[in-house]
Protein backbone atom coordinates (compact mmCIF):
# COMPACT_ATOMS: atom_id res chain seq x y z
CA MET A 1 -18.96 83.60 48.74
CA GLY A 2 -19.17 85.86 51.79
CA GLN A 3 -16.79 85.63 54.67
CA ALA A 4 -17.78 85.31 58.32
CA ALA A 5 -16.91 88.31 60.47
CA LEU A 6 -16.17 88.16 64.19
CA VAL A 7 -18.22 90.56 66.25
CA GLY A 8 -18.11 91.57 69.89
CA VAL A 9 -15.26 90.57 72.17
CA VAL A 10 -12.98 87.75 71.03
CA PHE A 11 -11.86 85.67 73.99
CA PRO A 12 -8.72 83.54 74.13
CA SER A 13 -9.15 80.06 72.64
CA ALA A 14 -9.43 77.03 74.90
CA ASP A 15 -5.92 75.96 73.91
CA ARG A 16 -4.55 78.99 75.78
CA VAL A 17 -6.25 78.05 79.01
CA VAL A 18 -4.28 75.84 81.34
CA ARG A 19 -5.97 72.43 81.40
CA HIS A 20 -6.25 72.17 85.20
CA VAL A 21 -7.82 75.63 85.70
CA SER A 22 -11.42 75.30 86.84
CA ALA A 23 -14.29 76.80 84.86
CA THR A 24 -14.95 79.24 87.69
CA SER A 25 -11.42 80.61 87.70
CA ALA A 26 -11.38 80.78 83.90
CA ILE A 27 -14.50 82.95 83.98
CA GLN A 28 -12.97 85.12 86.70
CA ASP A 29 -9.80 85.57 84.64
CA ARG A 30 -11.78 86.75 81.62
CA ALA A 31 -13.99 89.03 83.67
CA ALA A 32 -11.14 91.53 83.38
CA VAL A 33 -11.89 91.88 79.66
CA PRO A 34 -13.98 95.06 79.18
CA GLY A 35 -17.63 94.19 78.65
CA PHE A 36 -17.14 90.49 79.42
CA ASN A 37 -19.82 90.23 82.11
CA SER A 38 -22.53 91.90 80.03
CA ILE A 39 -21.66 89.76 76.99
CA LEU A 40 -21.74 86.56 79.03
CA LYS A 41 -25.10 87.52 80.58
CA ARG A 42 -26.53 88.22 77.13
CA ARG A 43 -25.30 84.86 75.92
CA LEU A 44 -26.82 83.08 78.92
CA ASP A 45 -30.16 84.78 78.33
CA SER A 46 -30.02 83.71 74.68
CA VAL A 47 -29.12 80.03 75.07
CA GLN A 48 -30.92 78.81 78.19
CA ARG A 49 -34.20 78.44 76.26
CA PHE A 50 -32.54 76.17 73.69
CA GLU A 51 -32.73 72.37 73.73
CA ALA A 52 -28.93 72.05 73.84
CA PHE A 53 -28.91 73.69 77.29
CA SER A 54 -32.01 72.02 78.72
CA GLU A 55 -31.70 71.42 82.52
CA ILE A 56 -28.12 72.75 82.57
CA SER A 57 -27.50 75.16 85.45
CA GLY A 58 -26.57 78.77 84.85
CA SER A 59 -23.05 78.30 86.20
CA ASP A 60 -22.46 75.29 83.95
CA CYS A 61 -23.89 77.20 80.98
CA ALA A 62 -21.41 79.99 81.69
CA ALA A 63 -18.56 77.48 81.75
CA ILE A 64 -19.69 76.12 78.36
CA LEU A 65 -20.08 79.55 76.79
CA VAL A 66 -16.86 81.13 77.98
CA ASP A 67 -14.73 79.75 75.14
CA ALA A 68 -17.25 80.46 72.37
CA GLN A 69 -16.79 83.24 69.82
CA GLU A 70 -19.65 85.15 68.24
CA MET A 71 -19.63 85.01 64.46
CA GLN A 72 -21.95 86.79 62.07
CA PHE A 73 -22.83 85.35 58.64
CA GLN A 74 -24.38 87.24 55.77
CA ARG A 75 -26.90 85.63 53.41
CA HIS A 76 -25.27 83.04 51.10
CA SER A 77 -22.03 82.90 53.13
CA ALA A 78 -20.79 79.47 54.26
CA ILE A 79 -20.03 78.37 57.79
CA PHE A 80 -18.84 74.85 56.80
CA SER A 81 -17.90 73.50 53.35
CA GLU A 82 -18.27 69.98 51.98
CA GLY A 83 -14.99 68.04 51.95
CA THR A 84 -13.14 70.31 54.40
CA PRO A 85 -11.89 69.15 57.84
CA ALA A 86 -14.37 69.48 60.69
CA THR A 87 -12.62 71.80 63.15
CA ARG A 88 -15.49 73.80 64.69
CA VAL A 89 -18.95 73.41 66.22
CA ALA A 90 -21.52 76.21 66.19
CA LEU A 91 -24.78 77.05 67.95
CA LEU A 92 -27.15 79.18 65.88
CA LEU A 93 -28.48 82.12 67.90
CA SER A 94 -30.51 83.83 65.18
CA GLY A 95 -31.21 83.51 61.49
CA CYS A 96 -31.45 80.38 59.36
CA MET A 97 -28.93 77.96 57.82
CA LYS A 98 -29.42 75.33 55.12
CA ILE A 99 -27.48 72.06 54.99
CA THR A 100 -26.74 70.99 51.41
CA GLN A 101 -24.92 68.26 49.51
CA GLY A 102 -23.61 68.67 45.99
CA ARG A 103 -24.15 66.26 43.09
CA ALA A 104 -21.90 65.36 40.17
CA GLN A 105 -24.16 67.32 37.78
CA GLY A 106 -23.52 70.49 39.77
CA GLN A 107 -26.91 70.46 41.49
CA GLU A 108 -27.40 70.62 45.24
CA VAL A 109 -29.83 68.88 47.56
CA ILE A 110 -31.06 70.56 50.75
CA LEU A 111 -30.88 68.04 53.57
CA ARG A 112 -32.19 70.22 56.38
CA LEU A 113 -32.87 73.76 57.53
CA ASN A 114 -31.53 74.92 60.88
CA GLY A 115 -33.07 77.64 63.03
CA PRO A 116 -32.12 79.29 66.34
CA GLY A 117 -30.99 76.75 68.93
CA ASP A 118 -29.69 74.19 66.43
CA LEU A 119 -26.12 72.90 66.64
CA LEU A 120 -24.09 72.99 63.43
CA GLY A 121 -21.08 70.87 62.52
CA LYS A 122 -20.13 67.24 62.83
CA LEU A 123 -21.10 65.72 66.17
CA GLY A 124 -20.70 62.25 67.62
CA SER A 125 -18.07 59.54 67.08
CA GLN A 126 -17.19 60.71 63.54
CA ALA A 127 -16.85 64.37 64.50
CA ARG A 128 -13.28 64.68 63.21
CA ALA A 129 -13.96 63.40 59.70
CA ASN A 130 -14.38 65.81 56.79
CA HIS A 131 -17.70 67.59 56.36
CA LEU A 132 -20.12 65.69 54.15
CA TYR A 133 -22.16 68.80 53.44
CA THR A 134 -22.02 72.58 53.09
CA THR A 135 -23.82 74.89 55.50
CA TYR A 136 -25.02 78.21 54.06
CA ALA A 137 -26.73 81.17 55.69
CA VAL A 138 -30.23 81.52 54.22
CA GLN A 139 -30.59 84.88 55.96
CA PRO A 140 -28.25 87.03 58.08
CA SER A 141 -27.33 84.80 61.03
CA LEU A 142 -25.48 84.95 64.34
CA ALA A 143 -23.79 81.92 65.89
CA LEU A 144 -21.59 80.94 68.81
CA VAL A 145 -18.59 78.97 67.57
CA TRP A 146 -16.28 76.62 69.49
CA GLU A 147 -13.06 74.97 68.36
CA MET A 148 -13.65 71.21 68.10
CA ASP A 149 -11.09 70.33 70.81
CA ALA A 150 -12.68 72.73 73.29
CA PHE A 151 -16.20 71.52 72.53
CA GLU A 152 -15.26 67.84 72.90
CA ARG A 153 -13.83 68.58 76.34
CA LEU A 154 -17.08 70.34 77.28
CA VAL A 155 -19.17 67.36 76.13
CA ASP A 156 -16.99 65.04 78.23
CA ARG A 157 -17.24 67.31 81.25
CA PHE A 158 -21.01 67.98 81.17
CA PRO A 159 -23.14 64.81 80.72
CA LEU A 160 -26.34 66.86 80.31
CA LEU A 161 -24.80 68.57 77.28
CA ARG A 162 -24.02 65.17 75.77
CA ARG A 163 -27.58 63.99 76.47
CA ASN A 164 -29.08 67.09 74.88
CA ILE A 165 -26.92 66.72 71.77
CA ALA A 166 -28.11 63.13 71.40
CA SER A 167 -31.71 64.37 71.66
CA ILE A 168 -31.08 66.98 68.94
CA LEU A 169 -29.55 64.37 66.62
CA GLU A 170 -32.56 62.11 67.21
CA ARG A 171 -34.90 64.97 66.30
CA HIS A 172 -32.99 65.62 63.08
CA LEU A 173 -33.28 61.94 62.18
CA ASN A 174 -37.03 62.00 62.86
CA GLU A 175 -37.41 65.03 60.59
CA LEU A 176 -35.58 63.23 57.78
CA GLU A 177 -37.85 60.21 58.23
CA ILE A 178 -40.95 62.43 57.99
CA ARG A 179 -39.67 64.05 54.80
CA TYR A 180 -38.82 60.66 53.29
CA ARG A 181 -42.30 59.36 54.09
CA GLU A 182 -43.91 62.45 52.56
CA VAL A 183 -41.87 62.17 49.36
CA SER A 184 -42.75 58.47 49.11
CA THR A 185 -46.48 58.63 49.87
CA GLU A 186 -47.94 62.13 49.50
CA LYS A 187 -48.81 64.43 46.62
CA VAL A 188 -46.63 67.45 45.95
CA SER A 189 -49.34 69.88 47.12
CA SER A 190 -49.51 68.10 50.47
CA ARG A 191 -45.71 68.01 50.82
CA LEU A 192 -45.41 71.73 50.11
CA SER A 193 -48.21 72.79 52.46
CA ASN A 194 -46.84 70.57 55.26
CA LEU A 195 -43.36 72.00 54.71
CA LEU A 196 -44.58 75.59 54.93
CA VAL A 197 -46.47 74.83 58.14
CA ARG A 198 -43.28 73.43 59.71
CA LEU A 199 -41.18 76.32 58.45
CA VAL A 200 -43.51 78.88 60.04
CA SER A 201 -42.46 77.67 63.50
CA GLN A 202 -38.88 76.63 62.66
CA VAL A 203 -37.52 79.60 60.71
CA GLY A 204 -40.48 81.95 60.18
CA ARG A 205 -40.15 85.63 61.11
CA ARG A 206 -43.22 87.59 62.17
CA ILE A 207 -43.59 90.86 60.25
CA GLU A 208 -46.79 92.88 60.70
CA ASP A 209 -49.73 90.59 59.86
CA CYS A 210 -47.84 87.70 58.24
CA VAL A 211 -44.94 85.30 58.69
CA GLU A 212 -41.91 85.62 56.41
CA ILE A 213 -40.09 82.46 55.26
CA ALA A 214 -36.84 83.56 53.62
CA LEU A 215 -36.59 80.78 51.03
CA SER A 216 -36.76 80.93 47.25
CA ARG A 217 -39.13 78.82 45.17
CA ARG A 218 -36.15 76.79 43.98
CA GLU A 219 -35.16 76.02 47.58
CA LEU A 220 -38.74 74.97 48.39
CA ALA A 221 -38.65 72.68 45.35
CA GLN A 222 -35.41 71.08 46.60
CA LEU A 223 -36.90 70.55 50.05
CA THR A 224 -40.03 68.88 48.69
CA GLY A 225 -38.41 66.83 45.93
CA THR A 226 -40.25 68.46 43.05
CA THR A 227 -39.72 71.02 40.29
CA LEU A 228 -39.54 74.81 40.36
CA PHE A 229 -42.51 74.95 37.96
CA THR A 230 -44.73 72.87 40.27
CA VAL A 231 -43.90 74.95 43.34
CA SER A 232 -44.56 78.19 41.43
CA ARG A 233 -47.92 76.87 40.19
CA LEU A 234 -49.07 75.84 43.68
CA LEU A 235 -47.96 79.11 45.29
CA CYS A 236 -49.86 81.06 42.63
CA GLN A 237 -53.01 79.04 43.39
CA TRP A 238 -52.65 79.65 47.13
CA GLU A 239 -51.89 83.31 46.58
CA ALA A 240 -55.21 83.67 44.76
CA LEU A 241 -56.85 82.30 47.93
CA GLY A 242 -55.05 84.86 50.11
CA ILE A 243 -53.12 82.19 52.01
CA VAL A 244 -49.59 83.09 50.88
CA SER A 245 -47.76 85.48 48.60
CA ALA A 246 -44.43 84.72 46.95
CA ARG A 247 -41.59 87.09 46.18
CA ARG A 248 -38.21 86.44 44.55
CA GLU A 249 -36.56 84.78 47.56
CA VAL A 250 -39.31 85.01 50.18
CA VAL A 251 -42.70 83.44 50.87
CA LEU A 252 -45.12 85.38 53.06
CA VAL A 253 -47.71 83.29 54.91
CA HIS A 254 -50.80 85.43 55.56
CA ASP A 255 -53.15 82.77 56.93
CA VAL A 256 -51.43 80.02 58.93
CA PRO A 257 -54.69 78.25 59.99
CA ALA A 258 -55.80 78.12 56.35
CA LEU A 259 -52.44 76.65 55.36
CA GLN A 260 -52.77 74.02 58.10
CA GLU A 261 -56.26 73.18 56.89
CA LEU A 262 -54.99 72.96 53.32
CA SER A 263 -52.33 70.45 54.37
CA ARG A 264 -55.00 68.30 56.06
CA GLU A 265 -57.34 68.48 53.07
CA GLU A 266 -54.61 67.45 50.66
């Protein structure tokens, strides 16, 4: 399993900052670190479009970001592991992560995919319990990572951050409800086409004249609650129509409107 590598400038942890120092003075203190201002500006430009920072001022965003560390994850490397203590919170800047749970038979179930702007880690009243899932990088990913203690203080200090986190958790719950309804009421072809339509906007990457979804057929089968054989059969049918093409660990969507129409027809 790959290891996460720190990139860029590593700033002192929140535990090293005197508790009564204001956010402004903390930022001023770290401005002496070479490259700090340009790194902070790049971070601000990256995060202010995300739901977690909705309606939060630039100065407050800077105060939230100052204690974060940038971490890079290669494909298949883990950011959190099932059963280990929850000690960190992360904000995904780029790439894609999958949230999985293991089963006694050695199989895994994909609970959710996370794209840029999603928060990773245990949040809410049970934040300090052990992780109930493992978080893997589906593709090379970059994240901002906070120590749990520092992040909890930020949530207490900035009510808008707490509100936005609650909104994100509500969205995740709604997505699970949609998937449960689809598994319970819809045919596999409809579930797969609907999933691919959602993935185009959530984790799709535009390359030339198509959208790349960096998931294997097995992962698509896990997400739709069906078999690898069924997913392969459907993708072959849709490839013959010129809608998609499937590679070993990638699906290329060539005609998004046709895929949307296919999901409605099913």
